[in-house]
Amino acid sequence: MPVVSAAMPDDTQAIELWPCGYAAQCRVQNCKARATTIARGVDSGGRPTTQYELCDPHAEQLATREQRRGRQIILRP
C-alpha cells in the first residue's frame, strides 16, 4: 500500500476526520480507491490548514502517524 506522504503544516494542532459526502478519488499517489474520508488539519484557532480526500486505509495511516507526532485526532459525524 502506498504511504501517505502528505505533510501537515507545522502549525497544525489537530486532524479532523470527516465522512466524504461527494465522489472523489483518494489523493495518495497511485491509489485508485474511492475517497471515503476528508482529513483536515486545523490550527490552534480551529482554522483549516490543509485538506485531503482519503480512502479508509490511508485515513487510518495518516491518523496513526499524526497522533504519534502529538496531534489530536477528532472524529466528526
Protein backbone atom coordinates (compact mmCIF):
# COMPACT_ATOMS: atom_id res chain seq x y z
CA MET A 1 0.00 0.00 0.00
CA PRO A 2 1.39 3.45 -0.86
CA VAL A 3 2.41 5.53 2.13
CA VAL A 4 0.53 8.72 2.89
CA SER A 5 3.20 11.32 2.27
CA ALA A 6 1.02 14.37 2.68
CA ALA A 7 2.80 16.56 5.20
CA MET A 8 0.71 18.61 7.57
CA PRO A 9 1.96 22.18 8.18
CA ASP A 10 3.85 22.72 11.44
CA ASP A 11 1.10 24.91 12.93
CA THR A 12 -1.44 22.06 12.64
CA GLN A 13 -2.73 21.22 16.14
CA ALA A 14 -5.37 18.61 15.30
CA ILE A 15 -6.62 16.43 12.47
CA GLU A 16 -10.36 16.28 11.87
CA LEU A 17 -11.70 13.21 10.07
CA TRP A 18 -15.00 13.85 8.29
CA PRO A 19 -17.04 11.50 6.11
CA CYS A 20 -16.59 12.39 2.44
CA GLY A 21 -20.02 13.27 1.06
CA TYR A 22 -19.00 13.62 -2.58
CA ALA A 23 -17.35 11.47 -5.21
CA ALA A 24 -13.57 11.80 -5.13
CA GLN A 25 -10.54 9.60 -5.61
CA CYS A 26 -8.04 9.02 -2.79
CA ARG A 27 -5.32 11.67 -3.00
CA VAL A 28 -2.46 9.22 -2.31
CA GLN A 29 -0.33 8.71 -5.40
CA ASN A 30 -1.25 5.57 -7.38
CA CYS A 31 -4.22 4.74 -5.14
CA LYS A 32 -7.32 4.14 -7.24
CA ALA A 33 -9.73 3.74 -4.32
CA ARG A 34 -12.71 6.00 -3.73
CA ALA A 35 -12.21 8.60 -1.00
CA THR A 36 -14.44 7.97 1.99
CA THR A 37 -12.82 10.36 4.49
CA ILE A 38 -11.79 14.00 4.47
CA ALA A 39 -8.73 14.60 6.64
CA ARG A 40 -8.48 18.27 7.54
CA GLY A 41 -5.68 19.80 9.57
CA VAL A 42 -6.67 22.68 11.86
CA ASP A 43 -4.51 25.19 13.72
CA SER A 44 -4.85 26.30 17.35
CA GLY A 45 -7.62 28.74 16.37
CA GLY A 46 -9.66 26.00 14.68
CA ARG A 47 -8.89 27.30 11.18
CA PRO A 48 -8.25 24.71 8.45
CA THR A 49 -4.62 24.50 7.31
CA THR A 50 -4.95 21.72 4.73
CA GLN A 51 -7.40 19.11 3.48
CA TYR A 52 -7.05 15.72 1.79
CA GLU A 53 -9.62 13.23 0.50
CA LEU A 54 -8.53 9.71 1.50
CA CYS A 55 -9.73 6.11 1.41
CA ASP A 56 -10.25 4.39 4.80
CA PRO A 57 -6.85 2.62 4.96
CA HIS A 58 -4.95 5.81 4.12
CA ALA A 59 -7.03 7.88 6.55
CA GLU A 60 -6.14 5.42 9.32
CA GLN A 61 -2.48 5.55 8.33
CA LEU A 62 -2.48 9.37 8.42
CA ALA A 63 -4.30 9.45 11.79
CA THR A 64 -1.82 7.00 13.33
CA ARG A 65 1.19 8.94 12.06
CA GLU A 66 -0.12 12.32 13.17
CA GLN A 67 -1.18 11.02 16.58
CA ARG A 68 2.39 9.79 17.13
CA ARG A 69 3.52 13.34 16.38
CA GLY A 70 1.35 14.61 19.23
CA ARG A 71 -1.57 15.92 17.20
CA GLN A 72 -5.12 15.35 18.37
CA ILE A 73 -7.38 13.22 16.14
CA ILE A 74 -11.02 14.35 16.08
CA LEU A 75 -13.69 12.12 14.50
CA ARG A 76 -16.57 14.14 13.09
CA PRO A 77 -20.01 12.67 12.31
